[in-house]
Amino acid sequence: APFFLTGVVLALLAGSFAPKRVWGAWVELAGVAFAWLLPVHLMNGGLM
């Protein structure tokens, strides 16, 4: 989980330098996709 959390925080920091810019939105979108892999990882590990 810290690995996924770190990826989202880095995407937020990168996107904050370019608010309302297209490239910043793409970086933040990558962070969103990375975040939604966390529940998949947890469920594959047998966790509820």
PDB file of all heavy atoms in Angstrom:
ATOM      1  N   ALA A   1       0.815  -1.214   0.000  1.00  0.00           N
ATOM      2  CA  ALA A   1       0.000   0.000   0.000  1.00  0.00           C
ATOM      3  C   ALA A   1       0.852   1.270   0.000  1.00  0.00           C
ATOM      4  O   ALA A   1       0.501   2.229  -0.699  1.00  0.00           O
ATOM      5  CB  ALA A   1      -0.956  -0.009   1.193  1.00  0.00           C
ATOM      6  N   PRO A   2       1.970   1.340   0.761  1.00  0.00           N
ATOM      7  CA  PRO A   2       2.794   2.574   0.691  1.00  0.00           C
ATOM      8  C   PRO A   2       3.314   2.864  -0.714  1.00  0.00           C
ATOM      9  O   PRO A   2       3.491   4.024  -1.085  1.00  0.00           O
ATOM     10  CB  PRO A   2       3.937   2.274   1.669  1.00  0.00           C
ATOM     11  CG  PRO A   2       3.372   1.285   2.617  1.00  0.00           C
ATOM     12  CD  PRO A   2       2.454   0.422   1.800  1.00  0.00           C
ATOM     13  N   PHE A   3       3.563   1.818  -1.500  1.00  0.00           N
ATOM     14  CA  PHE A   3       4.027   2.008  -2.869  1.00  0.00           C
ATOM     15  C   PHE A   3       2.972   2.725  -3.695  1.00  0.00           C
ATOM     16  O   PHE A   3       3.271   3.682  -4.430  1.00  0.00           O
ATOM     17  CB  PHE A   3       4.355   0.632  -3.464  1.00  0.00           C
ATOM     18  CG  PHE A   3       4.742   0.663  -4.909  1.00  0.00           C
ATOM     19  CD1 PHE A   3       5.937   1.222  -5.319  1.00  0.00           C
ATOM     20  CD2 PHE A   3       3.904   0.131  -5.869  1.00  0.00           C
ATOM     21  CE1 PHE A   3       6.302   1.246  -6.659  1.00  0.00           C
ATOM     22  CE2 PHE A   3       4.254   0.153  -7.208  1.00  0.00           C
ATOM     23  CZ  PHE A   3       5.453   0.704  -7.604  1.00  0.00           C
ATOM     24  N   PHE A   4       1.718   2.313  -3.588  1.00  0.00           N
ATOM     25  CA  PHE A   4       0.628   2.963  -4.327  1.00  0.00           C
ATOM     26  C   PHE A   4       0.385   4.374  -3.804  1.00  0.00           C
ATOM     27  O   PHE A   4       0.130   5.302  -4.574  1.00  0.00           O
ATOM     28  CB  PHE A   4      -0.648   2.128  -4.224  1.00  0.00           C
ATOM     29  CG  PHE A   4      -0.565   0.804  -4.917  1.00  0.00           C
ATOM     30  CD1 PHE A   4      -0.150  -0.331  -4.242  1.00  0.00           C
ATOM     31  CD2 PHE A   4      -0.888   0.697  -6.257  1.00  0.00           C
ATOM     32  CE1 PHE A   4      -0.068  -1.552  -4.885  1.00  0.00           C
ATOM     33  CE2 PHE A   4      -0.804  -0.522  -6.910  1.00  0.00           C
ATOM     34  CZ  PHE A   4      -0.391  -1.655  -6.222  1.00  0.00           C
ATOM     35  N   LEU A   5       0.457   4.539  -2.468  1.00  0.00           N
ATOM     36  CA  LEU A   5       0.262   5.861  -1.880  1.00  0.00           C
ATOM     37  C   LEU A   5       1.339   6.835  -2.366  1.00  0.00           C
ATOM     38  O   LEU A   5       1.034   7.989  -2.708  1.00  0.00           O
ATOM     39  CB  LEU A   5       0.290   5.754  -0.356  1.00  0.00           C
ATOM     40  CG  LEU A   5       0.160   7.069   0.425  1.00  0.00           C
ATOM     41  CD1 LEU A   5      -1.192   7.715   0.161  1.00  0.00           C
ATOM     42  CD2 LEU A   5       0.356   6.822   1.919  1.00  0.00           C
ATOM     43  N   THR A   6       2.578   6.366  -2.446  1.00  0.00           N
ATOM     44  CA  THR A   6       3.670   7.223  -2.910  1.00  0.00           C
ATOM     45  C   THR A   6       3.453   7.642  -4.364  1.00  0.00           C
ATOM     46  O   THR A   6       3.697   8.802  -4.737  1.00  0.00           O
ATOM     47  CB  THR A   6       5.008   6.492  -2.770  1.00  0.00           C
ATOM     48  OG1 THR A   6       5.189   6.110  -1.411  1.00  0.00           O
ATOM     49  CG2 THR A   6       6.157   7.383  -3.209  1.00  0.00           C
ATOM     50  N   GLY A   7       2.980   6.737  -5.183  1.00  0.00           N
ATOM     51  CA  GLY A   7       2.716   7.080  -6.578  1.00  0.00           C
ATOM     52  C   GLY A   7       1.664   8.154  -6.719  1.00  0.00           C
ATOM     53  O   GLY A   7       1.801   9.078  -7.543  1.00  0.00           O
ATOM     54  N   VAL A   8       0.607   8.092  -5.915  1.00  0.00           N
ATOM     55  CA  VAL A   8      -0.444   9.105  -5.981  1.00  0.00           C
ATOM     56  C   VAL A   8       0.076  10.455  -5.487  1.00  0.00           C
ATOM     57  O   VAL A   8      -0.211  11.506  -6.083  1.00  0.00           O
ATOM     58  CB  VAL A   8      -1.669   8.653  -5.158  1.00  0.00           C
ATOM     59  CG1 VAL A   8      -2.719   9.746  -5.118  1.00  0.00           C
ATOM     60  CG2 VAL A   8      -2.267   7.395  -5.750  1.00  0.00           C
ATOM     61  N   VAL A   9       0.852  10.449  -4.404  1.00  0.00           N
ATOM     62  CA  VAL A   9       1.393  11.701  -3.874  1.00  0.00           C
ATOM     63  C   VAL A   9       2.318  12.355  -4.890  1.00  0.00           C
ATOM     64  O   VAL A   9       2.279  13.585  -5.097  1.00  0.00           O
ATOM     65  CB  VAL A   9       2.125  11.433  -2.548  1.00  0.00           C
ATOM     66  CG1 VAL A   9       2.865  12.689  -2.094  1.00  0.00           C
ATOM     67  CG2 VAL A   9       1.134  10.998  -1.474  1.00  0.00           C
ATOM     68  N   LEU A  10       3.158  11.570  -5.561  1.00  0.00           N
ATOM     69  CA  LEU A  10       4.043  12.127  -6.582  1.00  0.00           C
ATOM     70  C   LEU A  10       3.246  12.714  -7.743  1.00  0.00           C
ATOM     71  O   LEU A  10       3.596  13.767  -8.293  1.00  0.00           O
ATOM     72  CB  LEU A  10       5.004  11.048  -7.085  1.00  0.00           C
ATOM     73  CG  LEU A  10       6.072  10.581  -6.091  1.00  0.00           C
ATOM     74  CD1 LEU A  10       6.901   9.464  -6.688  1.00  0.00           C
ATOM     75  CD2 LEU A  10       6.956  11.748  -5.669  1.00  0.00           C
ATOM     76  N   ALA A  11       2.151  12.040  -8.130  1.00  0.00           N
ATOM     77  CA  ALA A  11       1.301  12.574  -9.199  1.00  0.00           C
ATOM     78  C   ALA A  11       0.646  13.885  -8.773  1.00  0.00           C
ATOM     79  O   ALA A  11       0.532  14.828  -9.564  1.00  0.00           O
ATOM     80  CB  ALA A  11       0.239  11.548  -9.580  1.00  0.00           C
ATOM     81  N   LEU A  12       0.241  13.978  -7.499  1.00  0.00           N
ATOM     82  CA  LEU A  12      -0.343  15.217  -6.996  1.00  0.00           C
ATOM     83  C   LEU A  12       0.679  16.348  -6.998  1.00  0.00           C
ATOM     84  O   LEU A  12       0.373  17.479  -7.387  1.00  0.00           O
ATOM     85  CB  LEU A  12      -0.883  15.002  -5.582  1.00  0.00           C
ATOM     86  CG  LEU A  12      -2.215  14.282  -5.451  1.00  0.00           C
ATOM     87  CD1 LEU A  12      -2.508  13.983  -3.986  1.00  0.00           C
ATOM     88  CD2 LEU A  12      -3.334  15.116  -6.037  1.00  0.00           C
ATOM     89  N   LEU A  13       1.892  16.042  -6.571  1.00  0.00           N
ATOM     90  CA  LEU A  13       2.929  17.078  -6.544  1.00  0.00           C
ATOM     91  C   LEU A  13       3.265  17.550  -7.959  1.00  0.00           C
ATOM     92  O   LEU A  13       3.416  18.750  -8.206  1.00  0.00           O
ATOM     93  CB  LEU A  13       4.186  16.534  -5.856  1.00  0.00           C
ATOM     94  CG  LEU A  13       4.070  16.267  -4.349  1.00  0.00           C
ATOM     95  CD1 LEU A  13       5.345  15.638  -3.819  1.00  0.00           C
ATOM     96  CD2 LEU A  13       3.767  17.562  -3.603  1.00  0.00           C
ATOM     97  N   ALA A  14       3.365  16.600  -8.906  1.00  0.00           N
ATOM     98  CA  ALA A  14       3.673  16.980 -10.275  1.00  0.00           C
ATOM     99  C   ALA A  14       2.541  17.794 -10.891  1.00  0.00           C
ATOM    100  O   ALA A  14       2.770  18.790 -11.588  1.00  0.00           O
ATOM    101  CB  ALA A  14       3.958  15.732 -11.111  1.00  0.00           C
ATOM    102  N   GLY A  15       1.288  17.373 -10.623  1.00  0.00           N
ATOM    103  CA  GLY A  15       0.148  18.096 -11.167  1.00  0.00           C
ATOM    104  C   GLY A  15      -0.038  19.467 -10.550  1.00  0.00           C
ATOM    105  O   GLY A  15      -0.564  20.378 -11.189  1.00  0.00           O
ATOM    106  N   SER A  16       0.408  19.648  -9.314  1.00  0.00           N
ATOM    107  CA  SER A  16       0.235  20.940  -8.659  1.00  0.00           C
ATOM    108  C   SER A  16       1.100  22.030  -9.281  1.00  0.00           C
ATOM    109  O   SER A  16       0.803  23.212  -9.159  1.00  0.00           O
ATOM    110  CB  SER A  16       0.573  20.816  -7.163  1.00  0.00           C
ATOM    111  OG  SER A  16       1.949  20.489  -6.992  1.00  0.00           O
ATOM    112  N   PHE A  17       2.185  21.632  -9.965  1.00  0.00           N
ATOM    113  CA  PHE A  17       3.033  22.623 -10.632  1.00  0.00           C
ATOM    114  C   PHE A  17       2.419  23.111 -11.945  1.00  0.00           C
ATOM    115  O   PHE A  17       2.883  24.098 -12.503  1.00  0.00           O
ATOM    116  CB  PHE A  17       4.423  22.029 -10.908  1.00  0.00           C
ATOM    117  CG  PHE A  17       5.254  21.879  -9.684  1.00  0.00           C
ATOM    118  CD1 PHE A  17       5.468  20.628  -9.126  1.00  0.00           C
ATOM    119  CD2 PHE A  17       5.814  22.989  -9.057  1.00  0.00           C
ATOM    120  CE1 PHE A  17       6.231  20.479  -7.976  1.00  0.00           C
ATOM    121  CE2 PHE A  17       6.574  22.845  -7.911  1.00  0.00           C
ATOM    122  CZ  PHE A  17       6.793  21.590  -7.366  1.00  0.00           C
ATOM    123  N   ALA A  18       1.422  22.398 -12.427  1.00  0.00           N
ATOM    124  CA  ALA A  18       0.773  22.796 -13.683  1.00  0.00           C
ATOM    125  C   ALA A  18      -0.735  22.703 -13.525  1.00  0.00           C
ATOM    126  O   ALA A  18      -1.393  21.903 -14.175  1.00  0.00           O
ATOM    127  CB  ALA A  18       1.236  21.909 -14.831  1.00  0.00           C
ATOM    128  N   PRO A  19      -1.330  23.526 -12.616  1.00  0.00           N
ATOM    129  CA  PRO A  19      -2.787  23.469 -12.453  1.00  0.00           C
ATOM    130  C   PRO A  19      -3.479  23.914 -13.725  1.00  0.00           C
ATOM    131  O   PRO A  19      -3.083  24.874 -14.379  1.00  0.00           O
ATOM    132  CB  PRO A  19      -3.053  24.443 -11.300  1.00  0.00           C
ATOM    133  CG  PRO A  19      -1.881  25.370 -11.321  1.00  0.00           C
ATOM    134  CD  PRO A  19      -0.705  24.557 -11.792  1.00  0.00           C
ATOM    135  N   LYS A  20      -4.492  23.172 -14.084  1.00  0.00           N
ATOM    136  CA  LYS A  20      -5.312  23.466 -15.261  1.00  0.00           C
ATOM    137  C   LYS A  20      -4.506  23.392 -16.563  1.00  0.00           C
ATOM    138  O   LYS A  20      -4.865  24.018 -17.550  1.00  0.00           O
ATOM    139  CB  LYS A  20      -5.996  24.830 -15.126  1.00  0.00           C
ATOM    140  CG  LYS A  20      -6.933  24.934 -13.932  1.00  0.00           C
ATOM    141  CD  LYS A  20      -7.630  26.265 -13.875  1.00  0.00           C
ATOM    142  CE  LYS A  20      -8.572  26.338 -12.672  1.00  0.00           C
ATOM    143  NZ  LYS A  20      -9.260  27.649 -12.586  1.00  0.00           N
ATOM    144  N   ARG A  21      -3.434  22.618 -16.551  1.00  0.00           N
ATOM    145  CA  ARG A  21      -2.669  22.363 -17.759  1.00  0.00           C
ATOM    146  C   ARG A  21      -2.905  20.916 -18.190  1.00  0.00           C
ATOM    147  O   ARG A  21      -3.082  20.024 -17.348  1.00  0.00           O
ATOM    148  CB  ARG A  21      -1.177  22.593 -17.527  1.00  0.00           C
ATOM    149  CG  ARG A  21      -0.825  24.024 -17.173  1.00  0.00           C
ATOM    150  CD  ARG A  21      -0.899  24.932 -18.393  1.00  0.00           C
ATOM    151  NE  ARG A  21      -0.493  26.298 -18.073  1.00  0.00           N
ATOM    152  CZ  ARG A  21       0.752  26.729 -18.118  1.00  0.00           C
ATOM    153  NH1 ARG A  21       1.723  25.890 -18.433  1.00  0.00           N
ATOM    154  NH2 ARG A  21       1.029  27.996 -17.825  1.00  0.00           N
ATOM    155  N   VAL A  22      -2.831  20.660 -19.493  1.00  0.00           N
ATOM    156  CA  VAL A  22      -3.158  19.330 -19.989  1.00  0.00           C
ATOM    157  C   VAL A  22      -2.132  18.311 -19.519  1.00  0.00           C
ATOM    158  O   VAL A  22      -2.483  17.211 -19.077  1.00  0.00           O
ATOM    159  CB  VAL A  22      -3.257  19.354 -21.525  1.00  0.00           C
ATOM    160  CG1 VAL A  22      -3.500  17.953 -22.065  1.00  0.00           C
ATOM    161  CG2 VAL A  22      -4.378  20.275 -21.969  1.00  0.00           C
ATOM    162  N   TRP A  23      -0.847  18.650 -19.591  1.00  0.00           N
ATOM    163  CA  TRP A  23       0.158  17.654 -19.203  1.00  0.00           C
ATOM    164  C   TRP A  23       0.082  17.339 -17.711  1.00  0.00           C
ATOM    165  O   TRP A  23       0.322  16.201 -17.289  1.00  0.00           O
ATOM    166  CB  TRP A  23       1.558  18.121 -19.606  1.00  0.00           C
ATOM    167  CG  TRP A  23       2.145  19.235 -18.783  1.00  0.00           C
ATOM    168  CD1 TRP A  23       2.114  20.559 -19.056  1.00  0.00           C
ATOM    169  CD2 TRP A  23       2.857  19.098 -17.549  1.00  0.00           C
ATOM    170  NE1 TRP A  23       2.754  21.277 -18.086  1.00  0.00           N
ATOM    171  CE2 TRP A  23       3.242  20.404 -17.144  1.00  0.00           C
ATOM    172  CE3 TRP A  23       3.221  18.028 -16.752  1.00  0.00           C
ATOM    173  CZ2 TRP A  23       3.941  20.652 -15.981  1.00  0.00           C
ATOM    174  CZ3 TRP A  23       3.934  18.268 -15.589  1.00  0.00           C
ATOM    175  CH2 TRP A  23       4.291  19.565 -15.205  1.00  0.00           C
ATOM    176  N   GLY A  24      -0.248  18.363 -16.892  1.00  0.00           N
ATOM    177  CA  GLY A  24      -0.441  18.091 -15.470  1.00  0.00           C
ATOM    178  C   GLY A  24      -1.628  17.185 -15.218  1.00  0.00           C
ATOM    179  O   GLY A  24      -1.595  16.319 -14.332  1.00  0.00           O
ATOM    180  N   ALA A  25      -2.710  17.360 -16.005  1.00  0.00           N
ATOM    181  CA  ALA A  25      -3.880  16.482 -15.855  1.00  0.00           C
ATOM    182  C   ALA A  25      -3.540  15.050 -16.239  1.00  0.00           C
ATOM    183  O   ALA A  25      -4.026  14.099 -15.615  1.00  0.00           O
ATOM    184  CB  ALA A  25      -5.029  17.010 -16.717  1.00  0.00           C
ATOM    185  N   TRP A  26      -2.683  14.873 -17.256  1.00  0.00           N
ATOM    186  CA  TRP A  26      -2.285  13.514 -17.637  1.00  0.00           C
ATOM    187  C   TRP A  26      -1.483  12.848 -16.518  1.00  0.00           C
ATOM    188  O   TRP A  26      -1.646  11.649 -16.251  1.00  0.00           O
ATOM    189  CB  TRP A  26      -1.462  13.549 -18.923  1.00  0.00           C
ATOM    190  CG  TRP A  26      -2.279  13.658 -20.180  1.00  0.00           C
ATOM    191  CD1 TRP A  26      -2.387  14.739 -21.008  1.00  0.00           C
ATOM    192  CD2 TRP A  26      -3.109  12.644 -20.742  1.00  0.00           C
ATOM    193  NE1 TRP A  26      -3.237  14.472 -22.054  1.00  0.00           N
ATOM    194  CE2 TRP A  26      -3.697  13.194 -21.921  1.00  0.00           C
ATOM    195  CE3 TRP A  26      -3.433  11.350 -20.386  1.00  0.00           C
ATOM    196  CZ2 TRP A  26      -4.575  12.471 -22.730  1.00  0.00           C
ATOM    197  CZ3 TRP A  26      -4.308  10.630 -21.188  1.00  0.00           C
ATOM    198  CH2 TRP A  26      -4.864  11.178 -22.337  1.00  0.00           C
ATOM    199  N   VAL A  27      -0.612  13.603 -15.873  1.00  0.00           N
ATOM    200  CA  VAL A  27       0.158  13.041 -14.751  1.00  0.00           C
ATOM    201  C   VAL A  27      -0.773  12.637 -13.622  1.00  0.00           C
ATOM    202  O   VAL A  27      -0.642  11.552 -13.031  1.00  0.00           O
ATOM    203  CB  VAL A  27       1.210  14.058 -14.275  1.00  0.00           C
ATOM    204  CG1 VAL A  27       1.912  13.554 -13.013  1.00  0.00           C
ATOM    205  CG2 VAL A  27       2.226  14.331 -15.367  1.00  0.00           C
ATOM    206  N   GLU A  28      -1.740  13.494 -13.297  1.00  0.00           N
ATOM    207  CA  GLU A  28      -2.687  13.170 -12.234  1.00  0.00           C
ATOM    208  C   GLU A  28      -3.566  11.987 -12.611  1.00  0.00           C
ATOM    209  O   GLU A  28      -3.946  11.173 -11.757  1.00  0.00           O
ATOM    210  CB  GLU A  28      -3.527  14.400 -11.917  1.00  0.00           C
ATOM    211  CG  GLU A  28      -2.723  15.524 -11.277  1.00  0.00           C
ATOM    212  CD  GLU A  28      -3.561  16.758 -11.000  1.00  0.00           C
ATOM    213  OE1 GLU A  28      -4.673  16.845 -11.561  1.00  0.00           O
ATOM    214  OE2 GLU A  28      -3.111  17.620 -10.242  1.00  0.00           O
ATOM    215  N   LEU A  29      -3.914  11.884 -13.900  1.00  0.00           N
ATOM    216  CA  LEU A  29      -4.700  10.726 -14.350  1.00  0.00           C
ATOM    217  C   LEU A  29      -3.917   9.428 -14.164  1.00  0.00           C
ATOM    218  O   LEU A  29      -4.494   8.399 -13.779  1.00  0.00           O
ATOM    219  CB  LEU A  29      -5.085  10.914 -15.815  1.00  0.00           C
ATOM    220  CG  LEU A  29      -5.907   9.786 -16.447  1.00  0.00           C
ATOM    221  CD1 LEU A  29      -7.227   9.603 -15.712  1.00  0.00           C
ATOM    222  CD2 LEU A  29      -6.163  10.065 -17.922  1.00  0.00           C
ATOM    223  N   ALA A  30      -2.622   9.467 -14.408  1.00  0.00           N
ATOM    224  CA  ALA A  30      -1.794   8.286 -14.151  1.00  0.00           C
ATOM    225  C   ALA A  30      -1.817   7.923 -12.670  1.00  0.00           C
ATOM    226  O   ALA A  30      -1.857   6.739 -12.306  1.00  0.00           O
ATOM    227  CB  ALA A  30      -0.359   8.543 -14.616  1.00  0.00           C
ATOM    228  N   GLY A  31      -1.810   8.951 -11.800  1.00  0.00           N
ATOM    229  CA  GLY A  31      -1.914   8.678 -10.378  1.00  0.00           C
ATOM    230  C   GLY A  31      -3.242   8.054  -9.988  1.00  0.00           C
ATOM    231  O   GLY A  31      -3.306   7.167  -9.133  1.00  0.00           O
ATOM    232  N   VAL A  32      -4.332   8.494 -10.629  1.00  0.00           N
ATOM    233  CA  VAL A  32      -5.652   7.909 -10.360  1.00  0.00           C
ATOM    234  C   VAL A  32      -5.667   6.435 -10.752  1.00  0.00           C
ATOM    235  O   VAL A  32      -6.140   5.572  -9.998  1.00  0.00           O
ATOM    236  CB  VAL A  32      -6.734   8.694 -11.127  1.00  0.00           C
ATOM    237  CG1 VAL A  32      -8.077   7.984 -11.022  1.00  0.00           C
ATOM    238  CG2 VAL A  32      -6.846  10.113 -10.585  1.00  0.00           C
ATOM    239  N   ALA A  33      -5.157   6.139 -11.952  1.00  0.00           N
ATOM    240  CA  ALA A  33      -5.116   4.740 -12.387  1.00  0.00           C
ATOM    241  C   ALA A  33      -4.263   3.894 -11.447  1.00  0.00           C
ATOM    242  O   ALA A  33      -4.604   2.741 -11.132  1.00  0.00           O
ATOM    243  CB  ALA A  33      -4.572   4.668 -13.819  1.00  0.00           C
ATOM    244  N   PHE A  34      -3.150   4.450 -10.991  1.00  0.00           N
ATOM    245  CA  PHE A  34      -2.272   3.746 -10.055  1.00  0.00           C
ATOM    246  C   PHE A  34      -2.995   3.471  -8.736  1.00  0.00           C
ATOM    247  O   PHE A  34      -2.853   2.401  -8.144  1.00  0.00           O
ATOM    248  CB  PHE A  34      -1.018   4.586  -9.831  1.00  0.00           C
ATOM    249  CG  PHE A  34       0.145   3.820  -9.296  1.00  0.00           C
ATOM    250  CD1 PHE A  34       0.755   2.844 -10.061  1.00  0.00           C
ATOM    251  CD2 PHE A  34       0.630   4.073  -8.027  1.00  0.00           C
ATOM    252  CE1 PHE A  34       1.835   2.138  -9.570  1.00  0.00           C
ATOM    253  CE2 PHE A  34       1.708   3.371  -7.528  1.00  0.00           C
ATOM    254  CZ  PHE A  34       2.312   2.398  -8.305  1.00  0.00           C
ATOM    255  N   ALA A  35      -3.787   4.447  -8.272  1.00  0.00           N
ATOM    256  CA  ALA A  35      -4.491   4.286  -6.997  1.00  0.00           C
ATOM    257  C   ALA A  35      -5.529   3.176  -7.060  1.00  0.00           C
ATOM    258  O   ALA A  35      -5.703   2.416  -6.105  1.00  0.00           O
ATOM    259  CB  ALA A  35      -5.158   5.604  -6.610  1.00  0.00           C
ATOM    260  N   TRP A  36      -6.222   3.069  -8.190  1.00  0.00           N
ATOM    261  CA  TRP A  36      -7.277   2.074  -8.277  1.00  0.00           C
ATOM    262  C   TRP A  36      -6.750   0.661  -8.489  1.00  0.00           C
ATOM    263  O   TRP A  36      -7.517  -0.302  -8.509  1.00  0.00           O
ATOM    264  CB  TRP A  36      -8.256   2.456  -9.388  1.00  0.00           C
ATOM    265  CG  TRP A  36      -9.198   3.515  -8.919  1.00  0.00           C
ATOM    266  CD1 TRP A  36      -9.007   4.858  -8.929  1.00  0.00           C
ATOM    267  CD2 TRP A  36     -10.482   3.307  -8.326  1.00  0.00           C
ATOM    268  NE1 TRP A  36     -10.090   5.510  -8.386  1.00  0.00           N
ATOM    269  CE2 TRP A  36     -11.014   4.579  -8.012  1.00  0.00           C
ATOM    270  CE3 TRP A  36     -11.246   2.187  -8.031  1.00  0.00           C
ATOM    271  CZ2 TRP A  36     -12.254   4.756  -7.426  1.00  0.00           C
ATOM    272  CZ3 TRP A  36     -12.486   2.354  -7.447  1.00  0.00           C
ATOM    273  CH2 TRP A  36     -12.973   3.621  -7.145  1.00  0.00           C
ATOM    274  N   LEU A  37      -5.430   0.524  -8.653  1.00  0.00           N
ATOM    275  CA  LEU A  37      -4.838  -0.809  -8.654  1.00  0.00           C
ATOM    276  C   LEU A  37      -4.633  -1.343  -7.240  1.00  0.00           C
ATOM    277  O   LEU A  37      -4.410  -2.545  -7.062  1.00  0.00           O
ATOM    278  CB  LEU A  37      -3.488  -0.786  -9.384  1.00  0.00           C
ATOM    279  CG  LEU A  37      -3.538  -0.558 -10.894  1.00  0.00           C
ATOM    280  CD1 LEU A  37      -2.130  -0.459 -11.448  1.00  0.00           C
ATOM    281  CD2 LEU A  37      -4.312  -1.685 -11.574  1.00  0.00           C
ATOM    282  N   LEU A  38      -4.689  -0.465  -6.234  1.00  0.00           N
ATOM    283  CA  LEU A  38      -4.476  -0.910  -4.851  1.00  0.00           C
ATOM    284  C   LEU A  38      -5.524  -1.925  -4.399  1.00  0.00           C
ATOM    285  O   LEU A  38      -5.147  -2.979  -3.857  1.00  0.00           O
ATOM    286  CB  LEU A  38      -4.429   0.291  -3.910  1.00  0.00           C
ATOM    287  CG  LEU A  38      -4.310  -0.027  -2.412  1.00  0.00           C
ATOM    288  CD1 LEU A  38      -3.057  -0.855  -2.138  1.00  0.00           C
ATOM    289  CD2 LEU A  38      -4.299   1.265  -1.583  1.00  0.00           C
ATOM    290  N   PRO A  39      -6.837  -1.677  -4.564  1.00  0.00           N
ATOM    291  CA  PRO A  39      -7.788  -2.715  -4.128  1.00  0.00           C
ATOM    292  C   PRO A  39      -7.626  -4.020  -4.889  1.00  0.00           C
ATOM    293  O   PRO A  39      -7.849  -5.100  -4.328  1.00  0.00           O
ATOM    294  CB  PRO A  39      -9.154  -2.069  -4.391  1.00  0.00           C
ATOM    295  CG  PRO A  39      -8.899  -0.967  -5.349  1.00  0.00           C
ATOM    296  CD  PRO A  39      -7.522  -0.479  -5.041  1.00  0.00           C
ATOM    297  N   VAL A  40      -7.212  -3.964  -6.158  1.00  0.00           N
ATOM    298  CA  VAL A  40      -6.957  -5.197  -6.903  1.00  0.00           C
ATOM    299  C   VAL A  40      -5.800  -5.959  -6.262  1.00  0.00           C
ATOM    300  O   VAL A  40      -5.865  -7.192  -6.093  1.00  0.00           O
ATOM    301  CB  VAL A  40      -6.652  -4.861  -8.382  1.00  0.00           C
ATOM    302  CG1 VAL A  40      -6.324  -6.129  -9.153  1.00  0.00           C
ATOM    303  CG2 VAL A  40      -7.823  -4.139  -9.016  1.00  0.00           C
ATOM    304  N   HIS A  41      -4.762  -5.242  -5.890  1.00  0.00           N
ATOM    305  CA  HIS A  41      -3.622  -5.873  -5.229  1.00  0.00           C
ATOM    306  C   HIS A  41      -4.036  -6.501  -3.894  1.00  0.00           C
ATOM    307  O   HIS A  41      -3.627  -7.628  -3.565  1.00  0.00           O
ATOM    308  CB  HIS A  41      -2.520  -4.826  -5.010  1.00  0.00           C
ATOM    309  CG  HIS A  41      -1.486  -5.226  -4.012  1.00  0.00           C
ATOM    310  ND1 HIS A  41      -0.560  -6.223  -4.249  1.00  0.00           N
ATOM    311  CD2 HIS A  41      -1.238  -4.767  -2.745  1.00  0.00           C
ATOM    312  CE1 HIS A  41       0.212  -6.359  -3.188  1.00  0.00           C
ATOM    313  NE2 HIS A  41      -0.171  -5.497  -2.271  1.00  0.00           N
ATOM    314  N   LEU A  42      -4.854  -5.796  -3.129  1.00  0.00           N
ATOM    315  CA  LEU A  42      -5.273  -6.321  -1.826  1.00  0.00           C
ATOM    316  C   LEU A  42      -6.143  -7.564  -1.980  1.00  0.00           C
ATOM    317  O   LEU A  42      -5.982  -8.544  -1.236  1.00  0.00           O
ATOM    318  CB  LEU A  42      -6.019  -5.234  -1.051  1.00  0.00           C
ATOM    319  CG  LEU A  42      -5.198  -3.998  -0.659  1.00  0.00           C
ATOM    320  CD1 LEU A  42      -6.084  -2.965   0.003  1.00  0.00           C
ATOM    321  CD2 LEU A  42      -4.046  -4.381   0.265  1.00  0.00           C
ATOM    322  N   MET A  43      -7.073  -7.520  -2.939  1.00  0.00           N
ATOM    323  CA  MET A  43      -7.952  -8.679  -3.120  1.00  0.00           C
ATOM    324  C   MET A  43      -7.180  -9.876  -3.660  1.00  0.00           C
ATOM    325  O   MET A  43      -7.467 -11.022  -3.308  1.00  0.00           O
ATOM    326  CB  MET A  43      -9.107  -8.315  -4.040  1.00  0.00           C
ATOM    327  CG  MET A  43     -10.137  -7.396  -3.393  1.00  0.00           C
ATOM    328  SD  MET A  43     -11.587  -7.061  -4.435  1.00  0.00           S
ATOM    329  CE  MET A  43     -10.849  -6.018  -5.707  1.00  0.00           C
ATOM    330  N   ASN A  44      -6.182  -9.644  -4.507  1.00  0.00           N
ATOM    331  CA  ASN A  44      -5.346 -10.754  -4.984  1.00  0.00           C
ATOM    332  C   ASN A  44      -4.526 -11.360  -3.852  1.00  0.00           C
ATOM    333  O   ASN A  44      -4.144 -12.535  -3.923  1.00  0.00           O
ATOM    334  CB  ASN A  44      -4.417 -10.271  -6.097  1.00  0.00           C
ATOM    335  CG  ASN A  44      -5.163  -9.996  -7.384  1.00  0.00           C
ATOM    336  OD1 ASN A  44      -6.259 -10.510  -7.606  1.00  0.00           O
ATOM    337  ND2 ASN A  44      -4.581  -9.182  -8.252  1.00  0.00           N
ATOM    338  N   GLY A  45      -4.273 -10.576  -2.814  1.00  0.00           N
ATOM    339  CA  GLY A  45      -3.571 -11.093  -1.643  1.00  0.00           C
ATOM    340  C   GLY A  45      -4.472 -11.791  -0.642  1.00  0.00           C
ATOM    341  O   GLY A  45      -4.015 -12.149   0.446  1.00  0.00           O
ATOM    342  N   GLY A  46      -5.740 -11.975  -0.974  1.00  0.00           N
ATOM    343  CA  GLY A  46      -6.675 -12.670  -0.099  1.00  0.00           C
ATOM    344  C   GLY A  46      -7.239 -11.828   1.021  1.00  0.00           C
ATOM    345  O   GLY A  46      -7.785 -12.385   1.984  1.00  0.00           O
ATOM    346  N   LEU A  47      -7.138 -10.527   0.942  1.00  0.00           N
ATOM    347  CA  LEU A  47      -7.643  -9.648   1.998  1.00  0.00           C
ATOM    348  C   LEU A  47      -9.071  -9.226   1.691  1.00  0.00           C
ATOM    349  O   LEU A  47      -9.483  -9.103   0.533  1.00  0.00           O
ATOM    350  CB  LEU A  47      -6.749  -8.415   2.124  1.00  0.00           C
ATOM    351  CG  LEU A  47      -5.280  -8.675   2.458  1.00  0.00           C
ATOM    352  CD1 LEU A  47      -4.509  -7.367   2.513  1.00  0.00           C
ATOM    353  CD2 LEU A  47      -5.154  -9.422   3.774  1.00  0.00           C
ATOM    354  N   MET A  48      -9.844  -8.982   2.745  1.00  0.00           N
ATOM    355  CA  MET A  48     -11.210  -8.492   2.621  1.00  0.00           C
ATOM    356  C   MET A  48     -11.207  -6.974   2.782  1.00  0.00           C
ATOM    357  O   MET A  48     -10.482  -6.431   3.620  1.00  0.00           O
ATOM    358  CB  MET A  48     -12.109  -9.123   3.679  1.00  0.00           C
ATOM    359  CG  MET A  48     -12.245 -10.638   3.554  1.00  0.00           C
ATOM    360  SD  MET A  48     -13.069 -11.125   2.012  1.00  0.00           S
ATOM    361  CE  MET A  48     -14.703 -10.441   2.303  1.00  0.00           C
TER     362      MET A  48
END
